[in-house]
Amino acid sequence: MKFKLMAIKNTKLESEGAEFLVLGNLLINGIATYKTYTNMPGYDLVATNPERNTSAKIQVKSRWTRKATGFLISRFDCDFIVFAKLNLEDITQTTKDEVVEYFVFPAKLLEEVHRGGKMPKVVLKDIPEYKKYQNGWHQVRQFLNACA
């Protein structure tokens, strides 16, 4: 019996792009944010409130299709996890439309619902009322204002 191997899509550029998209959204929402150096374990961005001397570590997870129902994750060494459903239609990277969906989750919430195993992941339907976290940038601001 022959098995057909599926090509694995290299999504490194899309992942980097998603980090910059999230960075841009945080900045547009008035939250000072910086990208970390490559390969920082557990987080990709650091949001800050310089007046209160507080910070929030943010991990960005992305999938290239908006049909994605979840994402792989094994580390929760951060305060927030932003899931970006990119709008890339297919393997040819043709843009379907202009909307990227962002979900801003507290890391503790996802740690509670994640599925362990060989390929640890979070499935959106496991998160109670997950849609209420869509574009929830205000959570980061509230976190930064509450910390001290």
Protein backbone atom coordinates (compact mmCIF):
# COMPACT_ATOMS: atom_id res chain seq x y z
CA MET A 1 0.00 0.00 0.00
CA LYS A 2 1.43 3.37 -1.06
CA PHE A 3 0.94 6.46 1.04
CA LYS A 4 0.93 9.86 -0.55
CA LEU A 5 2.97 12.30 1.50
CA MET A 6 1.38 15.68 1.91
CA ALA A 7 3.62 18.67 1.44
CA ILE A 8 4.20 20.52 4.66
CA LYS A 9 3.69 24.22 4.17
CA ASN A 10 6.51 26.38 5.47
CA THR A 11 4.64 29.05 7.41
CA LYS A 12 7.63 30.87 8.92
CA LEU A 13 6.97 34.08 6.97
CA GLU A 14 3.25 33.99 7.75
CA SER A 15 4.04 33.48 11.44
CA GLU A 16 6.39 36.46 11.47
CA GLY A 17 3.78 38.49 9.60
CA ALA A 18 1.12 37.56 12.16
CA GLU A 19 3.38 38.82 14.95
CA PHE A 20 3.72 42.17 13.19
CA LEU A 21 -0.05 42.33 12.56
CA VAL A 22 -0.71 41.80 16.27
CA LEU A 23 2.00 44.33 17.14
CA GLY A 24 0.34 46.87 14.83
CA ASN A 25 -3.10 46.28 16.35
CA LEU A 26 -1.77 46.79 19.86
CA LEU A 27 -0.05 50.03 18.81
CA ILE A 28 -3.18 51.29 17.03
CA ASN A 29 -5.09 50.61 20.24
CA GLY A 30 -2.66 52.81 22.17
CA ILE A 31 -0.71 50.00 23.84
CA ALA A 32 3.07 50.43 23.63
CA THR A 33 4.41 47.08 22.41
CA TYR A 34 7.75 45.70 21.28
CA LYS A 35 8.75 42.61 19.31
CA THR A 36 11.20 40.33 21.08
CA TYR A 37 14.29 38.83 19.58
CA THR A 38 13.75 35.64 17.60
CA ASN A 39 13.39 32.43 19.58
CA MET A 40 12.38 33.94 22.90
CA PRO A 41 10.80 30.95 24.60
CA GLY A 42 7.16 31.43 25.52
CA TYR A 43 6.39 34.86 24.08
CA ASP A 44 6.82 37.02 20.98
CA LEU A 45 5.77 40.53 22.05
CA VAL A 46 6.01 42.65 25.18
CA ALA A 47 3.28 45.22 25.82
CA THR A 48 4.13 47.95 28.30
CA ASN A 49 2.65 50.76 30.33
CA PRO A 50 5.66 53.00 30.98
CA GLU A 51 3.74 55.23 33.40
CA ARG A 52 2.97 52.31 35.71
CA ASN A 53 6.17 50.38 34.91
CA THR A 54 4.18 47.26 33.98
CA SER A 55 4.47 44.78 31.14
CA ALA A 56 2.61 41.85 29.60
CA LYS A 57 4.21 39.00 27.67
CA ILE A 58 2.22 38.04 24.59
CA GLN A 59 2.53 34.87 22.53
CA VAL A 60 1.17 34.98 18.97
CA LYS A 61 -0.30 31.88 17.36
CA SER A 62 -1.54 31.93 13.80
CA ARG A 63 -3.11 29.70 11.22
CA TRP A 64 -3.08 30.64 7.58
CA THR A 65 -6.77 29.89 7.06
CA ARG A 66 -9.75 31.54 8.72
CA LYS A 67 -11.37 28.10 8.78
CA ALA A 68 -8.94 27.02 11.51
CA THR A 69 -10.61 25.58 14.59
CA GLY A 70 -7.57 25.72 16.88
CA PHE A 71 -3.79 25.82 17.09
CA LEU A 72 -0.82 23.92 18.48
CA ILE A 73 0.67 25.19 21.73
CA SER A 74 2.90 23.68 24.38
CA ARG A 75 4.14 26.68 26.39
CA PHE A 76 2.19 29.11 28.53
CA ASP A 77 5.07 31.30 29.77
CA CYS A 78 3.14 34.48 28.99
CA ASP A 79 0.22 36.62 30.09
CA PHE A 80 -1.80 36.56 26.85
CA ILE A 81 -2.04 34.43 23.75
CA VAL A 82 -3.32 36.10 20.60
CA PHE A 83 -4.66 33.72 17.97
CA ALA A 84 -4.65 35.25 14.48
CA LYS A 85 -6.71 33.53 11.81
CA LEU A 86 -5.02 34.79 8.68
CA ASN A 87 -6.91 35.31 5.47
CA LEU A 88 -4.78 33.25 3.11
CA GLU A 89 -7.08 31.26 0.86
CA ASP A 90 -4.87 28.36 -0.07
CA ILE A 91 -1.33 27.12 -0.50
CA THR A 92 -0.74 29.72 -3.24
CA GLN A 93 -1.15 32.50 -0.65
CA THR A 94 -3.92 34.23 -2.57
CA THR A 95 -5.71 36.72 -0.37
CA LYS A 96 -9.40 35.94 0.07
CA ASP A 97 -10.48 39.23 1.64
CA GLU A 98 -9.22 41.93 3.96
CA VAL A 99 -10.24 40.59 7.37
CA VAL A 100 -7.93 38.82 9.78
CA GLU A 101 -9.64 37.48 12.90
CA TYR A 102 -7.86 38.09 16.22
CA PHE A 103 -8.69 36.42 19.53
CA VAL A 104 -6.99 37.77 22.67
CA PHE A 105 -6.99 35.10 25.38
CA PRO A 106 -5.57 35.19 28.90
CA ALA A 107 -2.89 32.49 29.00
CA LYS A 108 -4.33 30.99 32.19
CA LEU A 109 -7.65 30.35 30.44
CA LEU A 110 -6.01 28.46 27.57
CA GLU A 111 -3.78 26.51 29.92
CA GLU A 112 -6.94 25.15 31.55
CA VAL A 113 -8.57 24.01 28.29
CA HIS A 114 -5.58 22.89 26.23
CA ARG A 115 -5.37 19.29 25.11
CA GLY A 116 -2.08 17.61 25.96
CA GLY A 117 -0.40 14.73 24.18
CA LYS A 118 2.07 14.40 21.34
CA MET A 119 0.62 17.45 19.62
CA PRO A 120 -0.66 19.71 22.42
CA LYS A 121 -3.28 22.12 21.15
CA VAL A 122 -6.14 24.42 21.94
CA VAL A 123 -9.47 23.91 20.18
CA LEU A 124 -11.69 26.98 20.05
CA LYS A 125 -14.90 25.12 20.83
CA ASP A 126 -13.33 24.04 24.16
CA ILE A 127 -13.22 27.69 25.27
CA PRO A 128 -16.51 28.87 26.77
CA GLU A 129 -17.88 31.77 24.69
CA TYR A 130 -14.62 32.07 22.76
CA LYS A 131 -16.05 34.71 20.40
CA LYS A 132 -16.19 37.25 23.23
CA TYR A 133 -12.38 37.32 23.10
CA GLN A 134 -12.36 38.50 19.48
CA ASN A 135 -10.46 41.80 19.18
CA GLY A 136 -10.18 41.89 22.97
CA TRP A 137 -7.21 44.26 23.00
CA HIS A 138 -8.74 46.06 26.01
CA GLN A 139 -7.80 43.06 28.17
CA VAL A 140 -4.11 43.82 27.67
CA ARG A 141 -4.66 47.47 28.62
CA GLN A 142 -6.62 46.47 31.73
CA PHE A 143 -3.89 44.01 32.72
CA LEU A 144 -1.21 46.69 32.34
CA ASN A 145 -3.24 49.19 34.35
CA ALA A 146 -4.04 46.69 37.12
CA CYS A 147 -0.49 45.38 37.63
CA ALA A 148 1.79 47.11 40.07
